[in-house]
């Protein structure tokens, strides 16, 4: 599994050593520690912020192609 961070608006791949120095947790670890309510709120926020805009954009493009 590759590890990335966003630095100054650019994606940077991290080595395992660099990741350990950050003292950061991976999203999978954080999700495992969430309560059911926190997990549900996280899923909703992720859907609203990332997934819904992609779906809406794809639907708009399909409508444009149909015309």
N, C-alpha and C. Protein backbone atom coordinates (compact mmCIF):
# COMPACT_ATOMS: atom_id res chain seq x y z
N UNK A 1 0.84 -1.18 0.00
CA UNK A 1 0.00 0.00 0.00
C UNK A 1 0.89 1.24 0.00
N UNK A 2 0.57 2.18 -0.89
CA UNK A 2 1.36 3.40 -0.97
C UNK A 2 0.80 4.44 -0.02
N UNK A 3 1.68 5.27 0.50
CA UNK A 3 1.28 6.33 1.42
C UNK A 3 1.59 7.67 0.78
N UNK A 4 0.61 8.57 0.87
CA UNK A 4 0.76 9.89 0.28
C UNK A 4 0.36 10.96 1.28
N UNK A 5 0.91 12.14 1.09
CA UNK A 5 0.43 13.33 1.79
C UNK A 5 0.30 14.43 0.73
N UNK A 6 -0.44 15.45 1.07
CA UNK A 6 -0.55 16.61 0.21
C UNK A 6 0.27 17.72 0.86
N UNK A 7 1.24 18.21 0.13
CA UNK A 7 2.14 19.23 0.65
C UNK A 7 2.18 20.37 -0.36
N UNK A 8 1.79 21.56 0.07
CA UNK A 8 1.75 22.73 -0.80
C UNK A 8 0.92 22.46 -2.05
N UNK A 9 -0.19 21.73 -1.86
CA UNK A 9 -1.09 21.46 -2.98
C UNK A 9 -0.61 20.38 -3.93
N UNK A 10 0.50 19.72 -3.61
CA UNK A 10 1.03 18.67 -4.49
C UNK A 10 1.10 17.36 -3.72
N UNK A 11 0.79 16.26 -4.42
CA UNK A 11 0.83 14.93 -3.82
C UNK A 11 2.28 14.47 -3.72
N UNK A 12 2.63 13.93 -2.54
CA UNK A 12 3.98 13.44 -2.32
C UNK A 12 3.89 12.03 -1.76
N UNK A 13 4.59 11.08 -2.41
CA UNK A 13 4.61 9.71 -1.93
C UNK A 13 5.63 9.61 -0.79
N UNK A 14 5.25 8.89 0.26
CA UNK A 14 6.13 8.75 1.42
C UNK A 14 6.71 7.35 1.51
N UNK A 15 7.94 7.28 1.99
CA UNK A 15 8.53 5.98 2.30
C UNK A 15 8.01 5.57 3.69
N UNK A 16 8.23 4.33 4.07
CA UNK A 16 7.78 3.88 5.39
C UNK A 16 8.47 4.67 6.50
N UNK A 17 9.73 5.00 6.30
CA UNK A 17 10.48 5.76 7.31
C UNK A 17 9.89 7.16 7.46
N UNK A 18 9.57 7.81 6.35
CA UNK A 18 9.00 9.16 6.41
C UNK A 18 7.63 9.13 7.09
N UNK A 19 6.86 8.09 6.82
CA UNK A 19 5.54 7.96 7.43
C UNK A 19 5.65 7.80 8.94
N UNK A 20 6.61 7.00 9.39
CA UNK A 20 6.80 6.80 10.83
C UNK A 20 7.20 8.10 11.52
N UNK A 21 8.01 8.92 10.85
CA UNK A 21 8.45 10.20 11.42
C UNK A 21 7.28 11.17 11.61
N UNK A 22 6.25 11.04 10.78
CA UNK A 22 5.10 11.94 10.87
C UNK A 22 4.24 11.69 12.11
N UNK A 23 4.34 10.49 12.64
CA UNK A 23 3.51 10.09 13.78
C UNK A 23 2.03 10.25 13.43
N UNK A 24 1.71 9.90 12.23
CA UNK A 24 0.33 10.01 11.76
C UNK A 24 -0.29 8.62 11.69
N UNK A 25 -1.62 8.61 11.74
CA UNK A 25 -2.34 7.35 11.61
C UNK A 25 -2.91 7.25 10.21
N UNK A 26 -3.00 6.06 9.74
CA UNK A 26 -3.60 5.81 8.45
C UNK A 26 -5.12 5.81 8.61
N UNK A 27 -5.84 6.19 7.58
CA UNK A 27 -7.30 6.33 7.64
C UNK A 27 -7.96 5.04 8.10
N UNK A 28 -7.47 3.91 7.64
CA UNK A 28 -8.05 2.62 8.03
C UNK A 28 -7.97 2.42 9.54
N UNK A 29 -6.86 2.80 10.14
CA UNK A 29 -6.70 2.67 11.59
C UNK A 29 -7.68 3.57 12.32
N UNK A 30 -7.82 4.78 11.85
CA UNK A 30 -8.70 5.75 12.48
C UNK A 30 -10.15 5.27 12.40
N UNK A 31 -10.55 4.75 11.24
CA UNK A 31 -11.92 4.26 11.06
C UNK A 31 -12.21 3.11 12.03
N UNK A 32 -11.25 2.22 12.23
CA UNK A 32 -11.46 1.09 13.14
C UNK A 32 -11.72 1.56 14.57
N UNK A 33 -11.18 2.72 14.94
CA UNK A 33 -11.32 3.24 16.30
C UNK A 33 -12.59 4.07 16.50
N UNK A 34 -13.33 4.33 15.42
CA UNK A 34 -14.53 5.18 15.51
C UNK A 34 -15.70 4.42 16.13
N UNK A 35 -16.54 5.19 16.83
CA UNK A 35 -17.80 4.63 17.31
C UNK A 35 -18.74 4.53 16.12
N UNK A 36 -19.82 3.77 16.22
CA UNK A 36 -20.78 3.68 15.11
C UNK A 36 -21.32 5.05 14.67
N UNK A 37 -21.58 5.93 15.62
CA UNK A 37 -22.08 7.28 15.28
C UNK A 37 -21.02 8.09 14.54
N UNK A 38 -19.78 8.03 15.01
CA UNK A 38 -18.70 8.74 14.34
C UNK A 38 -18.48 8.20 12.92
N UNK A 39 -18.55 6.89 12.79
CA UNK A 39 -18.36 6.26 11.49
C UNK A 39 -19.46 6.69 10.51
N UNK A 40 -20.69 6.73 10.98
CA UNK A 40 -21.81 7.14 10.13
C UNK A 40 -21.64 8.60 9.70
N UNK A 41 -21.23 9.47 10.62
CA UNK A 41 -21.00 10.88 10.29
C UNK A 41 -19.85 11.02 9.29
N UNK A 42 -18.80 10.23 9.47
CA UNK A 42 -17.66 10.26 8.55
C UNK A 42 -18.09 9.84 7.15
N UNK A 43 -18.86 8.75 7.06
CA UNK A 43 -19.33 8.28 5.75
C UNK A 43 -20.20 9.32 5.06
N UNK A 44 -21.07 9.96 5.83
CA UNK A 44 -21.95 10.99 5.25
C UNK A 44 -21.12 12.17 4.75
N UNK A 45 -20.17 12.62 5.55
CA UNK A 45 -19.33 13.75 5.15
C UNK A 45 -18.50 13.41 3.92
N UNK A 46 -17.96 12.20 3.86
CA UNK A 46 -17.17 11.77 2.71
C UNK A 46 -18.03 11.72 1.45
N UNK A 47 -19.25 11.22 1.61
CA UNK A 47 -20.16 11.16 0.47
C UNK A 47 -20.48 12.56 -0.05
N UNK A 48 -20.83 13.46 0.87
CA UNK A 48 -21.20 14.83 0.48
C UNK A 48 -20.03 15.58 -0.16
N UNK A 49 -18.83 15.36 0.36
CA UNK A 49 -17.68 16.13 -0.10
C UNK A 49 -17.03 15.56 -1.36
N UNK A 50 -16.98 14.24 -1.48
CA UNK A 50 -16.23 13.64 -2.58
C UNK A 50 -17.09 12.88 -3.59
N UNK A 51 -17.93 12.00 -3.12
CA UNK A 51 -18.65 11.10 -4.02
C UNK A 51 -19.78 11.80 -4.75
N UNK A 52 -20.60 12.55 -4.03
CA UNK A 52 -21.74 13.23 -4.66
C UNK A 52 -21.31 14.18 -5.78
N UNK A 53 -20.28 15.01 -5.59
CA UNK A 53 -19.85 15.88 -6.70
C UNK A 53 -19.41 15.09 -7.94
N UNK A 54 -18.77 13.94 -7.73
CA UNK A 54 -18.36 13.12 -8.87
C UNK A 54 -19.58 12.57 -9.60
N UNK A 55 -20.53 12.07 -8.84
CA UNK A 55 -21.75 11.53 -9.45
C UNK A 55 -22.50 12.63 -10.20
N UNK A 56 -22.66 13.79 -9.56
CA UNK A 56 -23.36 14.90 -10.20
C UNK A 56 -22.66 15.34 -11.48
N UNK A 57 -21.34 15.40 -11.43
CA UNK A 57 -20.57 15.78 -12.62
C UNK A 57 -20.75 14.79 -13.75
N UNK A 58 -20.75 13.50 -13.41
CA UNK A 58 -20.93 12.47 -14.43
C UNK A 58 -22.33 12.53 -15.03
N UNK A 59 -23.34 12.78 -14.20
CA UNK A 59 -24.70 12.88 -14.71
C UNK A 59 -24.86 14.08 -15.64
N UNK A 60 -24.24 15.21 -15.27
CA UNK A 60 -24.30 16.39 -16.13
C UNK A 60 -23.63 16.12 -17.48
N UNK A 61 -22.51 15.42 -17.45
CA UNK A 61 -21.81 15.10 -18.69
C UNK A 61 -22.65 14.17 -19.56
N UNK A 62 -23.30 13.20 -18.95
CA UNK A 62 -24.18 12.30 -19.71
C UNK A 62 -25.33 13.07 -20.36
N UNK A 63 -25.89 14.03 -19.61
CA UNK A 63 -26.98 14.85 -20.17
C UNK A 63 -26.48 15.65 -21.37
N UNK A 64 -25.28 16.20 -21.26
CA UNK A 64 -24.72 16.98 -22.38
C UNK A 64 -24.49 16.10 -23.60
N UNK A 65 -24.05 14.87 -23.39
CA UNK A 65 -23.79 13.96 -24.51
C UNK A 65 -25.08 13.54 -25.19
N UNK A 66 -26.15 13.42 -24.42
CA UNK A 66 -27.44 13.00 -24.97
C UNK A 66 -28.07 14.08 -25.86
N UNK A 67 -27.74 15.32 -25.62
CA UNK A 67 -28.35 16.44 -26.36
C UNK A 67 -27.76 16.61 -27.71
